[in-house]
PDB file of N, CA and C in Angstrom:
ATOM      1  N   MET A   1      24.076  -5.063   5.249  1.00  0.00           N
ATOM      2  CA  MET A   1      23.146  -6.181   5.350  1.00  0.00           C
ATOM      3  C   MET A   1      21.726  -5.636   5.380  1.00  0.00           C
ATOM      4  N   GLN A   2      20.876  -6.165   4.527  1.00  0.00           N
ATOM      5  CA  GLN A   2      19.494  -5.719   4.442  1.00  0.00           C
ATOM      6  C   GLN A   2      18.634  -6.527   5.413  1.00  0.00           C
ATOM      7  N   LYS A   3      17.821  -5.836   6.177  1.00  0.00           N
ATOM      8  CA  LYS A   3      17.031  -6.501   7.200  1.00  0.00           C
ATOM      9  C   LYS A   3      15.846  -7.264   6.608  1.00  0.00           C
ATOM     10  N   TYR A   4      15.206  -6.733   5.583  1.00  0.00           N
ATOM     11  CA  TYR A   4      14.014  -7.342   5.007  1.00  0.00           C
ATOM     12  C   TYR A   4      14.264  -7.728   3.566  1.00  0.00           C
ATOM     13  N   SER A   5      13.486  -8.670   3.096  1.00  0.00           N
ATOM     14  CA  SER A   5      13.589  -9.112   1.712  1.00  0.00           C
ATOM     15  C   SER A   5      13.205  -7.974   0.772  1.00  0.00           C
ATOM     16  N   GLU A   6      13.788  -7.980  -0.418  1.00  0.00           N
ATOM     17  CA  GLU A   6      13.438  -6.955  -1.398  1.00  0.00           C
ATOM     18  C   GLU A   6      12.078  -7.222  -2.038  1.00  0.00           C
ATOM     19  N   TYR A   7      11.538  -8.416  -1.827  1.00  0.00           N
ATOM     20  CA  TYR A   7      10.244  -8.756  -2.391  1.00  0.00           C
ATOM     21  C   TYR A   7       9.147  -8.432  -1.390  1.00  0.00           C
ATOM     22  N   GLU A   8       8.127  -7.766  -1.854  1.00  0.00           N
ATOM     23  CA  GLU A   8       7.030  -7.367  -0.985  1.00  0.00           C
ATOM     24  C   GLU A   8       5.966  -8.462  -0.973  1.00  0.00           C
ATOM     25  N   ILE A   9       5.550  -8.866   0.211  1.00  0.00           N
ATOM     26  CA  ILE A   9       4.484  -9.856   0.351  1.00  0.00           C
ATOM     27  C   ILE A   9       3.260  -9.127   0.864  1.00  0.00           C
ATOM     28  N   LYS A  10       2.207  -9.154   0.092  1.00  0.00           N
ATOM     29  CA  LYS A  10       0.986  -8.468   0.482  1.00  0.00           C
ATOM     30  C   LYS A  10      -0.040  -9.467   0.995  1.00  0.00           C
ATOM     31  N   ALA A  11      -0.825  -9.035   1.932  1.00  0.00           N
ATOM     32  CA  ALA A  11      -1.901  -9.868   2.454  1.00  0.00           C
ATOM     33  C   ALA A  11      -3.089  -9.817   1.505  1.00  0.00           C
ATOM     34  N   ARG A  12      -3.852 -10.869   1.500  1.00  0.00           N
ATOM     35  CA  ARG A  12      -5.116 -10.890   0.785  1.00  0.00           C
ATOM     36  C   ARG A  12      -6.179 -10.540   1.828  1.00  0.00           C
ATOM     37  N   VAL A  13      -7.211  -9.855   1.417  1.00  0.00           N
ATOM     38  CA  VAL A  13      -8.252  -9.417   2.343  1.00  0.00           C
ATOM     39  C   VAL A  13      -9.582 -10.037   1.909  1.00  0.00           C
ATOM     40  N   ILE A  14     -10.137 -10.868   2.790  1.00  0.00           N
ATOM     41  CA  ILE A  14     -11.418 -11.517   2.548  1.00  0.00           C
ATOM     42  C   ILE A  14     -12.460 -10.831   3.430  1.00  0.00           C
ATOM     43  N   LYS A  15     -13.561 -10.430   2.837  1.00  0.00           N
ATOM     44  CA  LYS A  15     -14.620  -9.745   3.581  1.00  0.00           C
ATOM     45  C   LYS A  15     -15.732 -10.743   3.895  1.00  0.00           C
ATOM     46  N   VAL A  16     -16.177 -10.733   5.149  1.00  0.00           N
ATOM     47  CA  VAL A  16     -17.288 -11.582   5.580  1.00  0.00           C
ATOM     48  C   VAL A  16     -18.313 -10.728   6.317  1.00  0.00           C
ATOM     49  N   ARG A  17     -19.534 -11.229   6.377  1.00  0.00           N
ATOM     50  CA  ARG A  17     -20.602 -10.518   7.087  1.00  0.00           C
ATOM     51  C   ARG A  17     -21.352 -11.520   7.958  1.00  0.00           C
ATOM     52  N   MET A  18     -21.755 -11.064   9.142  1.00  0.00           N
ATOM     53  CA  MET A  18     -22.496 -11.901  10.088  1.00  0.00           C
ATOM     54  C   MET A  18     -23.247 -10.999  11.053  1.00  0.00           C
ATOM     55  N   PRO A  19     -24.165 -11.553  11.837  1.00  0.00           N
ATOM     56  CA  PRO A  19     -24.805 -10.737  12.871  1.00  0.00           C
ATOM     57  C   PRO A  19     -23.755 -10.214  13.857  1.00  0.00           C
ATOM     58  N   VAL A  20     -23.951  -9.003  14.316  1.00  0.00           N
ATOM     59  CA  VAL A  20     -22.981  -8.348  15.196  1.00  0.00           C
ATOM     60  C   VAL A  20     -22.678  -9.193  16.434  1.00  0.00           C
ATOM     61  N   GLU A  21     -23.669  -9.866  16.971  1.00  0.00           N
ATOM     62  CA  GLU A  21     -23.453 -10.657  18.189  1.00  0.00           C
ATOM     63  C   GLU A  21     -22.567 -11.880  17.947  1.00  0.00           C
ATOM     64  N   GLU A  22     -22.309 -12.238  16.710  1.00  0.00           N
ATOM     65  CA  GLU A  22     -21.461 -13.384  16.381  1.00  0.00           C
ATOM     66  C   GLU A  22     -20.009 -13.001  16.115  1.00  0.00           C
ATOM     67  N   VAL A  23     -19.701 -11.714  16.053  1.00  0.00           N
ATOM     68  CA  VAL A  23     -18.352 -11.260  15.689  1.00  0.00           C
ATOM     69  C   VAL A  23     -17.309 -11.734  16.701  1.00  0.00           C
ATOM     70  N   GLY A  24     -17.596 -11.704  17.972  1.00  0.00           N
ATOM     71  CA  GLY A  24     -16.651 -12.151  18.999  1.00  0.00           C
ATOM     72  C   GLY A  24     -16.278 -13.618  18.832  1.00  0.00           C
ATOM     73  N   LEU A  25     -17.272 -14.460  18.596  1.00  0.00           N
ATOM     74  CA  LEU A  25     -17.014 -15.884  18.367  1.00  0.00           C
ATOM     75  C   LEU A  25     -16.171 -16.069  17.110  1.00  0.00           C
ATOM     76  N   PHE A  26     -16.521 -15.345  16.049  1.00  0.00           N
ATOM     77  CA  PHE A  26     -15.764 -15.430  14.800  1.00  0.00           C
ATOM     78  C   PHE A  26     -14.302 -15.058  15.007  1.00  0.00           C
ATOM     79  N   ASN A  27     -14.055 -13.952  15.701  1.00  0.00           N
ATOM     80  CA  ASN A  27     -12.680 -13.520  15.974  1.00  0.00           C
ATOM     81  C   ASN A  27     -11.911 -14.579  16.756  1.00  0.00           C
ATOM     82  N   SER A  28     -12.566 -15.203  17.719  1.00  0.00           N
ATOM     83  CA  SER A  28     -11.916 -16.250  18.507  1.00  0.00           C
ATOM     84  C   SER A  28     -11.566 -17.452  17.650  1.00  0.00           C
ATOM     85  N   LEU A  29     -12.455 -17.829  16.754  1.00  0.00           N
ATOM     86  CA  LEU A  29     -12.184 -18.966  15.875  1.00  0.00           C
ATOM     87  C   LEU A  29     -11.025 -18.676  14.926  1.00  0.00           C
ATOM     88  N   ILE A  30     -10.976 -17.476  14.390  1.00  0.00           N
ATOM     89  CA  ILE A  30      -9.861 -17.104  13.507  1.00  0.00           C
ATOM     90  C   ILE A  30      -8.555 -17.081  14.286  1.00  0.00           C
ATOM     91  N   ASP A  31      -8.575 -16.543  15.504  1.00  0.00           N
ATOM     92  CA  ASP A  31      -7.368 -16.501  16.333  1.00  0.00           C
ATOM     93  C   ASP A  31      -6.850 -17.903  16.654  1.00  0.00           C
ATOM     94  N   ALA A  32      -7.745 -18.883  16.697  1.00  0.00           N
ATOM     95  CA  ALA A  32      -7.359 -20.253  17.024  1.00  0.00           C
ATOM     96  C   ALA A  32      -6.687 -20.970  15.853  1.00  0.00           C
ATOM     97  N   LEU A  33      -6.829 -20.433  14.643  1.00  0.00           N
ATOM     98  CA  LEU A  33      -6.162 -21.040  13.491  1.00  0.00           C
ATOM     99  C   LEU A  33      -4.655 -20.814  13.613  1.00  0.00           C
ATOM    100  N   PRO A  34      -3.858 -21.751  13.150  1.00  0.00           N
ATOM    101  CA  PRO A  34      -2.396 -21.629  13.326  1.00  0.00           C
ATOM    102  C   PRO A  34      -1.757 -20.588  12.411  1.00  0.00           C
ATOM    103  N   ARG A  35      -1.865 -19.318  12.814  1.00  0.00           N
ATOM    104  CA  ARG A  35      -1.220 -18.193  12.114  1.00  0.00           C
ATOM    105  C   ARG A  35      -1.697 -18.018  10.675  1.00  0.00           C
ATOM    106  N   TYR A  36      -2.958 -18.318  10.412  1.00  0.00           N
ATOM    107  CA  TYR A  36      -3.490 -18.145   9.062  1.00  0.00           C
ATOM    108  C   TYR A  36      -3.837 -16.696   8.787  1.00  0.00           C
ATOM    109  N   ALA A  37      -4.476 -16.042   9.767  1.00  0.00           N
ATOM    110  CA  ALA A  37      -5.083 -14.753   9.452  1.00  0.00           C
ATOM    111  C   ALA A  37      -5.289 -13.897  10.697  1.00  0.00           C
ATOM    112  N   LEU A  38      -5.621 -12.626  10.431  1.00  0.00           N
ATOM    113  CA  LEU A  38      -6.014 -11.654  11.455  1.00  0.00           C
ATOM    114  C   LEU A  38      -7.359 -11.076  11.052  1.00  0.00           C
ATOM    115  N   THR A  39      -8.115 -10.597  12.010  1.00  0.00           N
ATOM    116  CA  THR A  39      -9.400  -9.977  11.704  1.00  0.00           C
ATOM    117  C   THR A  39      -9.382  -8.504  12.082  1.00  0.00           C
ATOM    118  N   ARG A  40     -10.123  -7.723  11.303  1.00  0.00           N
ATOM    119  CA  ARG A  40     -10.289  -6.302  11.570  1.00  0.00           C
ATOM    120  C   ARG A  40     -11.694  -5.896  11.146  1.00  0.00           C
ATOM    121  N   THR A  41     -12.247  -4.936  11.856  1.00  0.00           N
ATOM    122  CA  THR A  41     -13.521  -4.351  11.446  1.00  0.00           C
ATOM    123  C   THR A  41     -13.265  -2.920  11.005  1.00  0.00           C
ATOM    124  N   LYS A  42     -14.043  -2.471  10.048  1.00  0.00           N
ATOM    125  CA  LYS A  42     -13.879  -1.104   9.552  1.00  0.00           C
ATOM    126  C   LYS A  42     -14.809  -0.153  10.297  1.00  0.00           C
ATOM    127  N   GLU A  43     -16.054  -0.584  10.478  1.00  0.00           N
ATOM    128  CA  GLU A  43     -17.045   0.222  11.191  1.00  0.00           C
ATOM    129  C   GLU A  43     -17.717  -0.625  12.264  1.00  0.00           C
ATOM    130  N   LYS A  44     -17.756  -0.110  13.463  1.00  0.00           N
ATOM    131  CA  LYS A  44     -18.360  -0.816  14.580  1.00  0.00           C
ATOM    132  C   LYS A  44     -19.863  -0.989  14.349  1.00  0.00           C
ATOM    133  N   GLY A  45     -20.355  -2.172  14.675  1.00  0.00           N
ATOM    134  CA  GLY A  45     -21.791  -2.412  14.636  1.00  0.00           C
ATOM    135  C   GLY A  45     -22.368  -2.806  13.291  1.00  0.00           C
ATOM    136  N   THR A  46     -21.533  -3.018  12.266  1.00  0.00           N
ATOM    137  CA  THR A  46     -22.062  -3.389  10.952  1.00  0.00           C
ATOM    138  C   THR A  46     -22.079  -4.889  10.732  1.00  0.00           C
ATOM    139  N   GLY A  47     -21.264  -5.633  11.484  1.00  0.00           N
ATOM    140  CA  GLY A  47     -21.172  -7.071  11.288  1.00  0.00           C
ATOM    141  C   GLY A  47     -20.276  -7.460  10.120  1.00  0.00           C
ATOM    142  N   GLU A  48     -19.617  -6.480   9.518  1.00  0.00           N
ATOM    143  CA  GLU A  48     -18.683  -6.774   8.434  1.00  0.00           C
ATOM    144  C   GLU A  48     -17.275  -6.855   9.014  1.00  0.00           C
ATOM    145  N   VAL A  49     -16.586  -7.947   8.684  1.00  0.00           N
ATOM    146  CA  VAL A  49     -15.250  -8.191   9.208  1.00  0.00           C
ATOM    147  C   VAL A  49     -14.318  -8.456   8.036  1.00  0.00           C
ATOM    148  N   PHE A  50     -13.128  -7.889   8.113  1.00  0.00           N
ATOM    149  CA  PHE A  50     -12.100  -8.121   7.105  1.00  0.00           C
ATOM    150  C   PHE A  50     -11.106  -9.118   7.681  1.00  0.00           C
ATOM    151  N   VAL A  51     -10.824 -10.151   6.925  1.00  0.00           N
ATOM    152  CA  VAL A  51      -9.881 -11.180   7.345  1.00  0.00           C
ATOM    153  C   VAL A  51      -8.630 -11.017   6.487  1.00  0.00           C
ATOM    154  N   LEU A  52      -7.524 -10.675   7.121  1.00  0.00           N
ATOM    155  CA  LEU A  52      -6.256 -10.497   6.421  1.00  0.00           C
ATOM    156  C   LEU A  52      -5.493 -11.812   6.487  1.00  0.00           C
ATOM    157  N   VAL A  53      -5.172 -12.354   5.323  1.00  0.00           N
ATOM    158  CA  VAL A  53      -4.545 -13.676   5.255  1.00  0.00           C
ATOM    159  C   VAL A  53      -3.319 -13.612   4.343  1.00  0.00           C
ATOM    160  N   THR A  54      -2.297 -14.377   4.681  1.00  0.00           N
ATOM    161  CA  THR A  54      -1.140 -14.437   3.806  1.00  0.00           C
ATOM    162  C   THR A  54      -1.546 -15.135   2.512  1.00  0.00           C
ATOM    163  N   PRO A  55      -0.902 -14.799   1.409  1.00  0.00           N
ATOM    164  CA  PRO A  55      -1.247 -15.421   0.125  1.00  0.00           C
ATOM    165  C   PRO A  55      -1.082 -16.937   0.142  1.00  0.00           C
ATOM    166  N   TYR A  56      -0.244 -17.445   1.033  1.00  0.00           N
ATOM    167  CA  TYR A  56       0.050 -18.870   1.091  1.00  0.00           C
ATOM    168  C   TYR A  56      -1.019 -19.681   1.810  1.00  0.00           C
ATOM    169  N   LYS A  57      -1.908 -19.026   2.533  1.00  0.00           N
ATOM    170  CA  LYS A  57      -2.897 -19.741   3.344  1.00  0.00           C
ATOM    171  C   LYS A  57      -4.340 -19.441   2.948  1.00  0.00           C
ATOM    172  N   VAL A  58      -4.563 -18.888   1.782  1.00  0.00           N
ATOM    173  CA  VAL A  58      -5.919 -18.521   1.364  1.00  0.00           C
ATOM    174  C   VAL A  58      -6.804 -19.758   1.259  1.00  0.00           C
ATOM    175  N   LYS A  59      -6.309 -20.807   0.631  1.00  0.00           N
ATOM    176  CA  LYS A  59      -7.111 -22.024   0.457  1.00  0.00           C
ATOM    177  C   LYS A  59      -7.534 -22.597   1.816  1.00  0.00           C
ATOM    178  N   GLU A  60      -6.593 -22.706   2.738  1.00  0.00           N
ATOM    179  CA  GLU A  60      -6.898 -23.247   4.061  1.00  0.00           C
ATOM    180  C   GLU A  60      -7.897 -22.364   4.801  1.00  0.00           C
ATOM    181  N   LEU A  61      -7.741 -21.039   4.672  1.00  0.00           N
ATOM    182  CA  LEU A  61      -8.666 -20.128   5.326  1.00  0.00           C
ATOM    183  C   LEU A  61     -10.070 -20.283   4.768  1.00  0.00           C
ATOM    184  N   MET A  62     -10.189 -20.364   3.454  1.00  0.00           N
ATOM    185  CA  MET A  62     -11.516 -20.496   2.844  1.00  0.00           C
ATOM    186  C   MET A  62     -12.196 -21.787   3.294  1.00  0.00           C
ATOM    187  N   GLU A  63     -11.437 -22.856   3.424  1.00  0.00           N
ATOM    188  CA  GLU A  63     -11.996 -24.107   3.931  1.00  0.00           C
ATOM    189  C   GLU A  63     -12.466 -23.943   5.376  1.00  0.00           C
ATOM    190  N   ALA A  64     -11.679 -23.248   6.179  1.00  0.00           N
ATOM    191  CA  ALA A  64     -12.056 -23.007   7.576  1.00  0.00           C
ATOM    192  C   ALA A  64     -13.312 -22.145   7.653  1.00  0.00           C
ATOM    193  N   LEU A  65     -13.410 -21.114   6.806  1.00  0.00           N
ATOM    194  CA  LEU A  65     -14.602 -20.256   6.806  1.00  0.00           C
ATOM    195  C   LEU A  65     -15.845 -21.043   6.436  1.00  0.00           C
ATOM    196  N   GLU A  66     -15.727 -21.931   5.454  1.00  0.00           N
ATOM    197  CA  GLU A  66     -16.874 -22.766   5.081  1.00  0.00           C
ATOM    198  C   GLU A  66     -17.318 -23.622   6.264  1.00  0.00           C
ATOM    199  N   GLY A  67     -16.360 -24.164   7.015  1.00  0.00           N
ATOM    200  CA  GLY A  67     -16.684 -24.961   8.193  1.00  0.00           C
ATOM    201  C   GLY A  67     -17.329 -24.152   9.299  1.00  0.00           C
ATOM    202  N   MET A  68     -16.973 -22.887   9.404  1.00  0.00           N
ATOM    203  CA  MET A  68     -17.538 -22.022  10.445  1.00  0.00           C
ATOM    204  C   MET A  68     -19.007 -21.716  10.204  1.00  0.00           C
ATOM    205  N   LYS A  69     -19.480 -21.889   8.979  1.00  0.00           N
ATOM    206  CA  LYS A  69     -20.888 -21.615   8.670  1.00  0.00           C
ATOM    207  C   LYS A  69     -21.824 -22.483   9.497  1.00  0.00           C
ATOM    208  N   LYS A  70     -21.342 -23.643   9.953  1.00  0.00           N
ATOM    209  CA  LYS A  70     -22.162 -24.529  10.791  1.00  0.00           C
ATOM    210  C   LYS A  70     -22.373 -23.952  12.188  1.00  0.00           C
ATOM    211  N   HIS A  71     -21.428 -23.134  12.629  1.00  0.00           N
ATOM    212  CA  HIS A  71     -21.434 -22.649  14.005  1.00  0.00           C
ATOM    213  C   HIS A  71     -21.809 -21.181  14.156  1.00  0.00           C
ATOM    214  N   ILE A  72     -21.668 -20.412  13.101  1.00  0.00           N
ATOM    215  CA  ILE A  72     -21.980 -18.982  13.154  1.00  0.00           C
ATOM    216  C   ILE A  72     -23.168 -18.736  12.238  1.00  0.00           C
ATOM    217  N   LYS A  73     -24.287 -18.376  12.845  1.00  0.00           N
ATOM    218  CA  LYS A  73     -25.502 -18.199  12.056  1.00  0.00           C
ATOM    219  C   LYS A  73     -25.358 -17.037  11.071  1.00  0.00           C
ATOM    220  N   ASN A  74     -25.851 -17.253   9.870  1.00  0.00           N
ATOM    221  CA  ASN A  74     -25.871 -16.245   8.805  1.00  0.00           C
ATOM    222  C   ASN A  74     -24.496 -15.715   8.413  1.00  0.00           C
ATOM    223  N   LEU A  75     -23.456 -16.523   8.541  1.00  0.00           N
ATOM    224  CA  LEU A  75     -22.131 -16.114   8.092  1.00  0.00           C
ATOM    225  C   LEU A  75     -22.110 -16.107   6.571  1.00  0.00           C
ATOM    226  N   GLU A  76     -21.771 -14.958   6.001  1.00  0.00           N
ATOM    227  CA  GLU A  76     -21.664 -14.808   4.554  1.00  0.00           C
ATOM    228  C   GLU A  76     -20.209 -14.516   4.203  1.00  0.00           C
ATOM    229  N   ILE A  77     -19.675 -15.264   3.254  1.00  0.00           N
ATOM    230  CA  ILE A  77     -18.330 -14.999   2.752  1.00  0.00           C
ATOM    231  C   ILE A  77     -18.500 -14.161   1.496  1.00  0.00           C
ATOM    232  N   LEU A  78     -18.146 -12.893   1.587  1.00  0.00           N
ATOM    233  CA  LEU A  78     -18.356 -11.964   0.484  1.00  0.00           C
ATOM    234  C   LEU A  78     -17.220 -11.994  -0.527  1.00  0.00           C
ATOM    235  N   GLY A  79     -16.101 -12.592  -0.166  1.00  0.00           N
ATOM    236  CA  GLY A  79     -14.988 -12.736  -1.095  1.00  0.00           C
ATOM    237  C   GLY A  79     -13.895 -11.707  -0.889  1.00  0.00           C
ATOM    238  N   GLU A  80     -12.933 -11.759  -1.787  1.00  0.00           N
ATOM    239  CA  GLU A  80     -11.779 -10.864  -1.692  1.00  0.00           C
ATOM    240  C   GLU A  80     -12.189  -9.444  -2.039  1.00  0.00           C
ATOM    241  N   THR A  81     -11.594  -8.498  -1.330  1.00  0.00           N
ATOM    242  CA  THR A  81     -11.943  -7.094  -1.529  1.00  0.00           C
ATOM    243  C   THR A  81     -10.685  -6.251  -1.706  1.00  0.00           C
ATOM    244  N   ASP A  82     -10.839  -5.142  -2.396  1.00  0.00           N
ATOM    245  CA  ASP A  82      -9.750  -4.188  -2.585  1.00  0.00           C
ATOM    246  C   ASP A  82      -9.989  -2.918  -1.776  1.00  0.00           C
ATOM    247  N   GLU A  83     -10.948  -2.965  -0.837  1.00  0.00           N
ATOM    248  CA  GLU A  83     -11.254  -1.784  -0.038  1.00  0.00           C
ATOM    249  C   GLU A  83     -10.021  -1.303   0.703  1.00  0.00           C
ATOM    250  N   GLU A  84      -9.881  -0.007   0.821  1.00  0.00           N
ATOM    251  CA  GLU A  84      -8.762   0.601   1.543  1.00  0.00           C
ATOM    252  C   GLU A  84      -9.000   0.441   3.037  1.00  0.00           C
ATOM    253  N   LEU A  85      -8.043  -0.173   3.712  1.00  0.00           N
ATOM    254  CA  LEU A  85      -8.149  -0.369   5.147  1.00  0.00           C
ATOM    255  C   LEU A  85      -7.087   0.463   5.836  1.00  0.00           C
ATOM    256  N   THR A  86      -7.504   1.241   6.820  1.00  0.00           N
ATOM    257  CA  THR A  86      -6.555   2.004   7.625  1.00  0.00           C
ATOM    258  C   THR A  86      -6.775   1.628   9.075  1.00  0.00           C
ATOM    259  N   PHE A  87      -5.715   1.288   9.752  1.00  0.00           N
ATOM    260  CA  PHE A  87      -5.827   0.849  11.144  1.00  0.00           C
ATOM    261  C   PHE A  87      -4.977   1.710  12.028  1.00  0.00           C
TER     262      PHE A  87
END
């Protein structure tokens, strides 16, 4: 019996940028979404955050990010990225 599916599901990675002091609020808002995504930073203090989202929830996440622009000053959605992430 095989434990995992033979099909690989990869996450999509959306890169956003904001002032460093807003990153905590942003992470909290993403965590409050119903299992849409996770956040990671590559370098501390840059204000760049990578949002890892399942391929099935990209549309919903993008709508949520657009809504967050009202609450997080200078939030920029930089789009999908192919940058290598190591955690």
